[in-house]
Amino acid sequence: MTGGLPNVFSLLHVNKCLMPLADILFCESALFYFSEYMEKEDAVNILQFWLAADNFQSQLAAKKGQYDGQEAQNDAMILYDRYFSLQATHPLGFDDFVRLEIESNICREGGPLPNCFTTPLRQAWTTMEKVRELFEHILGN
């Protein structure tokens, strides 16, 4: 194994079973190694989106509807511009249906709701699970 994989192996591969994705995402050291692997697989933007959108969602949800809609919209637009717009700096490759759904969720009266990124978050999770399973397969061989 090369490129940090022995450390990843000892950290993430326990009892011939890779840590669940949820555990990896919420364990700083595991997330570091998983992020390195995601970068090697050209999927780090999906991970970065998931972390940022999950944080956005958590921050708004914690305010229980008592947040500045314009500020929330500005924050959501940063994610939209980075990952979903037609001129996205780090496009994730989601289809037009998802892009239009996000636009509609963000540009609503009163600002976006905490769940405005639910569809791409779900799809990003599925993609990360597939990468994690590939990672597990590589470590198991």
N, C-alpha and C. Protein backbone atom coordinates (compact mmCIF):
# COMPACT_ATOMS: atom_id res chain seq x y z
N MET A 1 0.85 -1.19 0.00
CA MET A 1 0.00 0.00 0.00
C MET A 1 0.88 1.23 0.00
N THR A 2 0.40 2.26 -0.68
CA THR A 2 1.19 3.48 -0.78
C THR A 2 0.34 4.70 -0.47
N GLY A 3 1.03 5.84 -0.35
CA GLY A 3 0.33 7.12 -0.24
C GLY A 3 -0.60 7.26 0.95
N GLY A 4 -0.17 6.84 2.14
CA GLY A 4 -0.99 7.02 3.32
C GLY A 4 -1.99 5.92 3.57
N LEU A 5 -2.10 4.96 2.70
CA LEU A 5 -3.09 3.91 2.91
C LEU A 5 -2.84 3.06 4.15
N PRO A 6 -1.59 2.81 4.56
CA PRO A 6 -1.44 2.04 5.80
C PRO A 6 -2.08 2.74 6.99
N ASN A 7 -1.94 4.07 7.08
CA ASN A 7 -2.58 4.80 8.17
C ASN A 7 -4.10 4.70 8.06
N VAL A 8 -4.59 4.83 6.86
CA VAL A 8 -6.03 4.73 6.63
C VAL A 8 -6.49 3.33 7.01
N PHE A 9 -5.73 2.34 6.60
CA PHE A 9 -6.09 0.96 6.90
C PHE A 9 -6.23 0.76 8.41
N SER A 10 -5.24 1.19 9.16
CA SER A 10 -5.30 0.97 10.61
C SER A 10 -6.39 1.79 11.27
N LEU A 11 -6.68 2.95 10.72
CA LEU A 11 -7.69 3.82 11.34
C LEU A 11 -9.11 3.42 10.96
N LEU A 12 -9.33 3.13 9.69
CA LEU A 12 -10.69 2.95 9.21
C LEU A 12 -11.11 1.50 9.06
N HIS A 13 -10.16 0.60 8.92
CA HIS A 13 -10.49 -0.78 8.61
C HIS A 13 -10.36 -1.59 9.91
N VAL A 14 -11.48 -1.76 10.58
CA VAL A 14 -11.50 -2.42 11.88
C VAL A 14 -12.29 -3.71 11.74
N ASN A 15 -11.73 -4.81 12.22
CA ASN A 15 -12.40 -6.11 12.16
C ASN A 15 -12.92 -6.43 10.75
N LYS A 16 -12.07 -6.18 9.74
CA LYS A 16 -12.40 -6.46 8.34
C LYS A 16 -13.65 -5.72 7.87
N CYS A 17 -13.96 -4.61 8.52
CA CYS A 17 -15.13 -3.83 8.13
C CYS A 17 -14.78 -2.35 8.25
N LEU A 18 -14.97 -1.63 7.18
CA LEU A 18 -14.70 -0.21 7.19
C LEU A 18 -15.74 0.51 8.04
N MET A 19 -15.32 1.57 8.70
CA MET A 19 -16.25 2.36 9.51
C MET A 19 -17.43 2.80 8.65
N PRO A 20 -18.61 2.88 9.22
CA PRO A 20 -19.76 3.44 8.48
C PRO A 20 -19.46 4.88 8.07
N LEU A 21 -20.05 5.30 6.96
CA LEU A 21 -19.81 6.65 6.45
C LEU A 21 -20.14 7.71 7.50
N ALA A 22 -21.22 7.54 8.22
CA ALA A 22 -21.59 8.53 9.24
C ALA A 22 -20.49 8.69 10.28
N ASP A 23 -19.87 7.59 10.68
CA ASP A 23 -18.78 7.66 11.65
C ASP A 23 -17.57 8.36 11.06
N ILE A 24 -17.28 8.07 9.80
CA ILE A 24 -16.13 8.71 9.14
C ILE A 24 -16.33 10.21 9.06
N LEU A 25 -17.53 10.65 8.70
CA LEU A 25 -17.79 12.08 8.52
C LEU A 25 -17.75 12.87 9.81
N PHE A 26 -17.94 12.20 10.93
CA PHE A 26 -17.97 12.91 12.21
C PHE A 26 -16.78 12.60 13.10
N CYS A 27 -15.77 11.95 12.53
CA CYS A 27 -14.51 11.68 13.24
C CYS A 27 -13.42 12.42 12.49
N GLU A 28 -12.83 13.41 13.12
CA GLU A 28 -11.89 14.30 12.45
C GLU A 28 -10.74 13.55 11.78
N SER A 29 -10.12 12.61 12.47
CA SER A 29 -8.98 11.91 11.88
C SER A 29 -9.43 10.99 10.75
N ALA A 30 -10.56 10.31 10.90
CA ALA A 30 -11.07 9.45 9.83
C ALA A 30 -11.46 10.30 8.62
N LEU A 31 -12.07 11.44 8.86
CA LEU A 31 -12.48 12.33 7.78
C LEU A 31 -11.27 12.81 6.99
N PHE A 32 -10.17 13.08 7.68
CA PHE A 32 -8.95 13.52 7.01
C PHE A 32 -8.50 12.48 5.98
N TYR A 33 -8.42 11.23 6.39
CA TYR A 33 -7.95 10.18 5.48
C TYR A 33 -8.98 9.90 4.38
N PHE A 34 -10.24 9.92 4.74
CA PHE A 34 -11.28 9.71 3.74
C PHE A 34 -11.25 10.83 2.71
N SER A 35 -11.03 12.05 3.16
CA SER A 35 -10.94 13.20 2.26
C SER A 35 -9.77 13.02 1.29
N GLU A 36 -8.64 12.55 1.78
CA GLU A 36 -7.50 12.28 0.90
C GLU A 36 -7.88 11.26 -0.16
N TYR A 37 -8.58 10.21 0.25
CA TYR A 37 -8.99 9.19 -0.69
C TYR A 37 -10.00 9.75 -1.69
N MET A 38 -10.94 10.54 -1.22
CA MET A 38 -11.93 11.15 -2.11
C MET A 38 -11.23 12.04 -3.15
N GLU A 39 -10.18 12.73 -2.73
CA GLU A 39 -9.43 13.57 -3.66
C GLU A 39 -8.77 12.71 -4.74
N LYS A 40 -8.19 11.59 -4.34
CA LYS A 40 -7.57 10.68 -5.31
C LYS A 40 -8.60 10.13 -6.30
N GLU A 41 -9.84 10.00 -5.86
CA GLU A 41 -10.91 9.47 -6.71
C GLU A 41 -11.66 10.58 -7.45
N ASP A 42 -11.13 11.81 -7.40
CA ASP A 42 -11.77 12.98 -8.03
C ASP A 42 -13.20 13.18 -7.53
N ALA A 43 -13.42 12.92 -6.25
CA ALA A 43 -14.75 13.08 -5.66
C ALA A 43 -14.73 14.00 -4.44
N VAL A 44 -13.63 14.69 -4.22
CA VAL A 44 -13.52 15.52 -3.02
C VAL A 44 -14.53 16.66 -3.02
N ASN A 45 -14.92 17.17 -4.20
CA ASN A 45 -15.92 18.24 -4.24
C ASN A 45 -17.27 17.77 -3.72
N ILE A 46 -17.60 16.52 -3.93
CA ILE A 46 -18.85 15.98 -3.39
C ILE A 46 -18.79 15.97 -1.87
N LEU A 47 -17.66 15.54 -1.33
CA LEU A 47 -17.48 15.54 0.13
C LEU A 47 -17.55 16.97 0.67
N GLN A 48 -16.85 17.89 0.02
CA GLN A 48 -16.85 19.27 0.49
C GLN A 48 -18.25 19.88 0.43
N PHE A 49 -18.99 19.58 -0.65
CA PHE A 49 -20.37 20.05 -0.72
C PHE A 49 -21.18 19.48 0.43
N TRP A 50 -21.08 18.17 0.66
CA TRP A 50 -21.88 17.54 1.70
C TRP A 50 -21.59 18.18 3.06
N LEU A 51 -20.33 18.38 3.36
CA LEU A 51 -19.97 18.98 4.65
C LEU A 51 -20.52 20.40 4.77
N ALA A 52 -20.38 21.20 3.71
CA ALA A 52 -20.85 22.58 3.76
C ALA A 52 -22.38 22.66 3.81
N ALA A 53 -23.06 21.86 3.00
CA ALA A 53 -24.52 21.89 2.97
C ALA A 53 -25.10 21.32 4.27
N ASP A 54 -24.50 20.28 4.80
CA ASP A 54 -24.95 19.73 6.07
C ASP A 54 -24.80 20.77 7.18
N ASN A 55 -23.70 21.50 7.17
CA ASN A 55 -23.48 22.56 8.15
C ASN A 55 -24.51 23.67 7.97
N PHE A 56 -24.76 24.08 6.72
CA PHE A 56 -25.77 25.10 6.44
C PHE A 56 -27.12 24.65 6.99
N GLN A 57 -27.49 23.43 6.68
CA GLN A 57 -28.78 22.88 7.13
C GLN A 57 -28.86 22.84 8.65
N SER A 58 -27.82 22.40 9.29
CA SER A 58 -27.80 22.31 10.76
C SER A 58 -27.90 23.68 11.41
N GLN A 59 -27.16 24.65 10.84
CA GLN A 59 -27.18 26.01 11.40
C GLN A 59 -28.59 26.62 11.31
N LEU A 60 -29.23 26.47 10.16
CA LEU A 60 -30.59 27.02 10.02
C LEU A 60 -31.58 26.28 10.89
N ALA A 61 -31.50 24.97 10.93
CA ALA A 61 -32.43 24.18 11.73
C ALA A 61 -32.31 24.53 13.21
N ALA A 62 -31.09 24.81 13.67
CA ALA A 62 -30.86 25.15 15.08
C ALA A 62 -31.55 26.47 15.45
N LYS A 63 -31.78 27.33 14.47
CA LYS A 63 -32.41 28.62 14.74
C LYS A 63 -33.93 28.53 14.75
N LYS A 64 -34.46 27.34 14.49
CA LYS A 64 -35.90 27.06 14.57
C LYS A 64 -36.76 28.13 13.90
N GLY A 65 -36.38 28.47 12.65
CA GLY A 65 -37.17 29.42 11.88
C GLY A 65 -36.90 30.88 12.20
N GLN A 66 -36.06 31.15 13.17
CA GLN A 66 -35.76 32.52 13.58
C GLN A 66 -34.42 32.97 13.01
N TYR A 67 -34.34 33.03 11.70
CA TYR A 67 -33.10 33.46 11.05
C TYR A 67 -33.42 34.50 9.99
N ASP A 68 -32.40 35.24 9.62
CA ASP A 68 -32.52 36.27 8.59
C ASP A 68 -32.59 35.57 7.24
N GLY A 69 -33.74 35.67 6.57
CA GLY A 69 -33.94 35.00 5.29
C GLY A 69 -32.96 35.46 4.22
N GLN A 70 -32.64 36.74 4.22
CA GLN A 70 -31.71 37.27 3.21
C GLN A 70 -30.30 36.72 3.45
N GLU A 71 -29.90 36.70 4.69
CA GLU A 71 -28.57 36.15 5.02
C GLU A 71 -28.50 34.67 4.67
N ALA A 72 -29.55 33.93 4.98
CA ALA A 72 -29.60 32.51 4.65
C ALA A 72 -29.56 32.32 3.13
N GLN A 73 -30.26 33.18 2.41
CA GLN A 73 -30.25 33.09 0.95
C GLN A 73 -28.85 33.37 0.40
N ASN A 74 -28.19 34.37 0.96
CA ASN A 74 -26.82 34.68 0.53
C ASN A 74 -25.89 33.50 0.77
N ASP A 75 -26.02 32.87 1.93
CA ASP A 75 -25.19 31.71 2.26
C ASP A 75 -25.49 30.54 1.31
N ALA A 76 -26.77 30.32 1.05
CA ALA A 76 -27.16 29.23 0.15
C ALA A 76 -26.67 29.50 -1.27
N MET A 77 -26.67 30.75 -1.68
CA MET A 77 -26.21 31.10 -3.02
C MET A 77 -24.71 30.84 -3.19
N ILE A 78 -23.96 30.95 -2.12
CA ILE A 78 -22.53 30.63 -2.19
C ILE A 78 -22.36 29.16 -2.58
N LEU A 79 -23.13 28.29 -1.94
CA LEU A 79 -23.07 26.87 -2.27
C LEU A 79 -23.59 26.63 -3.69
N TYR A 80 -24.68 27.28 -4.03
CA TYR A 80 -25.25 27.13 -5.36
C TYR A 80 -24.25 27.55 -6.44
N ASP A 81 -23.63 28.71 -6.25
CA ASP A 81 -22.68 29.22 -7.24
C ASP A 81 -21.45 28.32 -7.35
N ARG A 82 -21.04 27.77 -6.26
CA ARG A 82 -19.85 26.91 -6.27
C ARG A 82 -20.11 25.55 -6.91
N TYR A 83 -21.30 24.96 -6.66
CA TYR A 83 -21.52 23.57 -7.05
C TYR A 83 -22.61 23.32 -8.09
N PHE A 84 -23.55 24.25 -8.28
CA PHE A 84 -24.72 23.93 -9.11
C PHE A 84 -25.00 24.86 -10.27
N SER A 85 -24.60 26.11 -10.18
CA SER A 85 -24.95 27.05 -11.25
C SER A 85 -24.32 26.60 -12.57
N LEU A 86 -24.81 27.18 -13.65
CA LEU A 86 -24.24 26.84 -14.96
C LEU A 86 -22.78 27.27 -15.07
N GLN A 87 -22.36 28.20 -14.23
CA GLN A 87 -20.97 28.65 -14.20
C GLN A 87 -20.26 28.20 -12.92
N ALA A 88 -20.70 27.12 -12.34
CA ALA A 88 -20.15 26.65 -11.06
C ALA A 88 -18.64 26.48 -11.12
N THR A 89 -17.98 26.89 -10.07
CA THR A 89 -16.52 26.75 -10.01
C THR A 89 -16.10 25.32 -9.71
N HIS A 90 -16.96 24.55 -9.06
CA HIS A 90 -16.70 23.14 -8.74
C HIS A 90 -17.96 22.32 -9.03
N PRO A 91 -18.34 22.22 -10.30
CA PRO A 91 -19.61 21.55 -10.62
C PRO A 91 -19.59 20.08 -10.20
N LEU A 92 -20.72 19.65 -9.66
CA LEU A 92 -20.84 18.27 -9.18
C LEU A 92 -21.48 17.35 -10.21
N GLY A 93 -22.02 17.91 -11.27
CA GLY A 93 -22.60 17.09 -12.32
C GLY A 93 -24.04 16.67 -12.09
N PHE A 94 -24.74 17.36 -11.21
CA PHE A 94 -26.15 17.07 -11.01
C PHE A 94 -26.93 17.55 -12.22
N ASP A 95 -28.06 16.91 -12.49
CA ASP A 95 -28.84 17.26 -13.67
C ASP A 95 -29.62 18.56 -13.47
N ASP A 96 -30.23 19.02 -14.56
CA ASP A 96 -30.99 20.29 -14.53
C ASP A 96 -32.15 20.24 -13.55
N PHE A 97 -32.78 19.08 -13.40
CA PHE A 97 -33.89 18.95 -12.47
C PHE A 97 -33.45 19.33 -11.05
N VAL A 98 -32.29 18.82 -10.63
CA VAL A 98 -31.78 19.12 -9.28
C VAL A 98 -31.42 20.60 -9.19
N ARG A 99 -30.76 21.11 -10.22
CA ARG A 99 -30.37 22.52 -10.21
C ARG A 99 -31.60 23.42 -10.08
N LEU A 100 -32.64 23.14 -10.85
CA LEU A 100 -33.86 23.95 -10.80
C LEU A 100 -34.58 23.81 -9.46
N GLU A 101 -34.56 22.62 -8.90
CA GLU A 101 -35.16 22.42 -7.57
C GLU A 101 -34.43 23.25 -6.52
N ILE A 102 -33.11 23.27 -6.59
CA ILE A 102 -32.33 24.06 -5.63
C ILE A 102 -32.62 25.54 -5.81
N GLU A 103 -32.66 26.01 -7.05
CA GLU A 103 -32.98 27.41 -7.31
C GLU A 103 -34.32 27.78 -6.69
N SER A 104 -35.30 26.94 -6.90
CA SER A 104 -36.64 27.18 -6.36
C SER A 104 -36.62 27.18 -4.83
N ASN A 105 -35.88 26.28 -4.24
CA ASN A 105 -35.79 26.19 -2.78
C ASN A 105 -35.07 27.39 -2.16
N ILE A 106 -34.08 27.91 -2.86
CA ILE A 106 -33.31 29.05 -2.34
C ILE A 106 -34.05 30.36 -2.54
N CYS A 107 -34.66 30.53 -3.70
CA CYS A 107 -35.26 31.82 -4.08
C CYS A 107 -36.73 31.91 -3.71
N ARG A 108 -37.06 31.45 -2.55
CA ARG A 108 -38.45 31.52 -2.09
C ARG A 108 -38.59 32.72 -1.17
N GLU A 109 -39.82 33.21 -1.09
CA GLU A 109 -40.08 34.34 -0.21
C GLU A 109 -39.75 33.95 1.23
N GLY A 110 -39.04 34.81 1.91
CA GLY A 110 -38.64 34.53 3.28
C GLY A 110 -37.31 33.82 3.39
N GLY A 111 -36.72 33.50 2.25
CA GLY A 111 -35.41 32.83 2.26
C GLY A 111 -35.56 31.33 2.25
N PRO A 112 -34.45 30.65 2.09
CA PRO A 112 -34.48 29.18 2.00
C PRO A 112 -34.83 28.53 3.33
N LEU A 113 -35.41 27.36 3.24
CA LEU A 113 -35.63 26.54 4.43
C LEU A 113 -34.37 25.70 4.67
N PRO A 114 -34.20 25.18 5.89
CA PRO A 114 -33.01 24.37 6.17
C PRO A 114 -32.84 23.19 5.21
N ASN A 115 -33.94 22.67 4.68
CA ASN A 115 -33.85 21.47 3.84
C ASN A 115 -33.71 21.78 2.35
N CYS A 116 -33.27 22.97 2.01
CA CYS A 116 -33.22 23.37 0.59
C CYS A 116 -32.24 22.54 -0.23
N PHE A 117 -31.30 21.87 0.41
CA PHE A 117 -30.33 21.05 -0.31
C PHE A 117 -30.55 19.55 -0.10
N THR A 118 -31.74 19.16 0.32
CA THR A 118 -32.01 17.76 0.65
C THR A 118 -31.71 16.81 -0.50
N THR A 119 -32.18 17.11 -1.69
CA THR A 119 -31.97 16.19 -2.83
C THR A 119 -30.49 16.00 -3.14
N PRO A 120 -29.72 17.08 -3.32
CA PRO A 120 -28.30 16.84 -3.60
C PRO A 120 -27.54 16.25 -2.41
N LEU A 121 -27.96 16.57 -1.19
CA LEU A 121 -27.32 15.94 -0.03
C LEU A 121 -27.52 14.43 -0.07
N ARG A 122 -28.73 14.00 -0.37
CA ARG A 122 -29.03 12.57 -0.46
C ARG A 122 -28.19 11.91 -1.55
N GLN A 123 -28.12 12.56 -2.72
CA GLN A 123 -27.35 12.00 -3.82
C GLN A 123 -25.86 12.00 -3.52
N ALA A 124 -25.38 13.04 -2.86
CA ALA A 124 -23.96 13.09 -2.48
C ALA A 124 -23.64 11.97 -1.50
N TRP A 125 -24.56 11.72 -0.55
CA TRP A 125 -24.36 10.63 0.42
C TRP A 125 -24.24 9.29 -0.30
N THR A 126 -25.11 9.06 -1.27
CA THR A 126 -25.08 7.81 -2.03
C THR A 126 -23.75 7.66 -2.76
N THR A 127 -23.29 8.73 -3.36
CA THR A 127 -22.00 8.69 -4.06
C THR A 127 -20.86 8.42 -3.09
N MET A 128 -20.87 9.09 -1.94
CA MET A 128 -19.80 8.87 -0.96
C MET A 128 -19.83 7.44 -0.43
N GLU A 129 -21.01 6.88 -0.26
CA GLU A 129 -21.12 5.47 0.18
C GLU A 129 -20.47 4.55 -0.84
N LYS A 130 -20.71 4.81 -2.12
CA LYS A 130 -20.12 3.98 -3.18
C LYS A 130 -18.60 4.10 -3.16
N VAL A 131 -18.09 5.31 -2.98
CA VAL A 131 -16.64 5.50 -2.90
C VAL A 131 -16.09 4.80 -1.66
N ARG A 132 -16.81 4.90 -0.55
CA ARG A 132 -16.37 4.23 0.69
C ARG A 132 -16.32 2.73 0.48
N GLU A 133 -17.32 2.17 -0.21
CA GLU A 133 -17.34 0.73 -0.47
C GLU A 133 -16.17 0.32 -1.37
N LEU A 134 -15.86 1.14 -2.36
CA LEU A 134 -14.70 0.87 -3.21
C LEU A 134 -13.43 0.91 -2.37
N PHE A 135 -13.35 1.89 -1.49
CA PHE A 135 -12.21 2.03 -0.59
C PHE A 135 -12.07 0.78 0.28
N GLU A 136 -13.20 0.29 0.80
CA GLU A 136 -13.19 -0.92 1.61
C GLU A 136 -12.70 -2.10 0.80
N HIS A 137 -13.14 -2.19 -0.44
CA HIS A 137 -12.72 -3.28 -1.32
C HIS A 137 -11.21 -3.23 -1.55
N ILE A 138 -10.68 -2.03 -1.79
CA ILE A 138 -9.25 -1.86 -2.01
C ILE A 138 -8.47 -2.26 -0.77
N LEU A 139 -8.96 -1.82 0.39
CA LEU A 139 -8.26 -2.14 1.64
C LEU A 139 -8.34 -3.62 1.96
N GLY A 140 -9.41 -4.26 1.54
CA GLY A 140 -9.59 -5.69 1.83
C GLY A 140 -8.71 -6.58 0.97
N ASN A 141 -8.19 -6.04 -0.13
CA ASN A 141 -7.34 -6.86 -1.03
C ASN A 141 -5.90 -6.73 -0.70
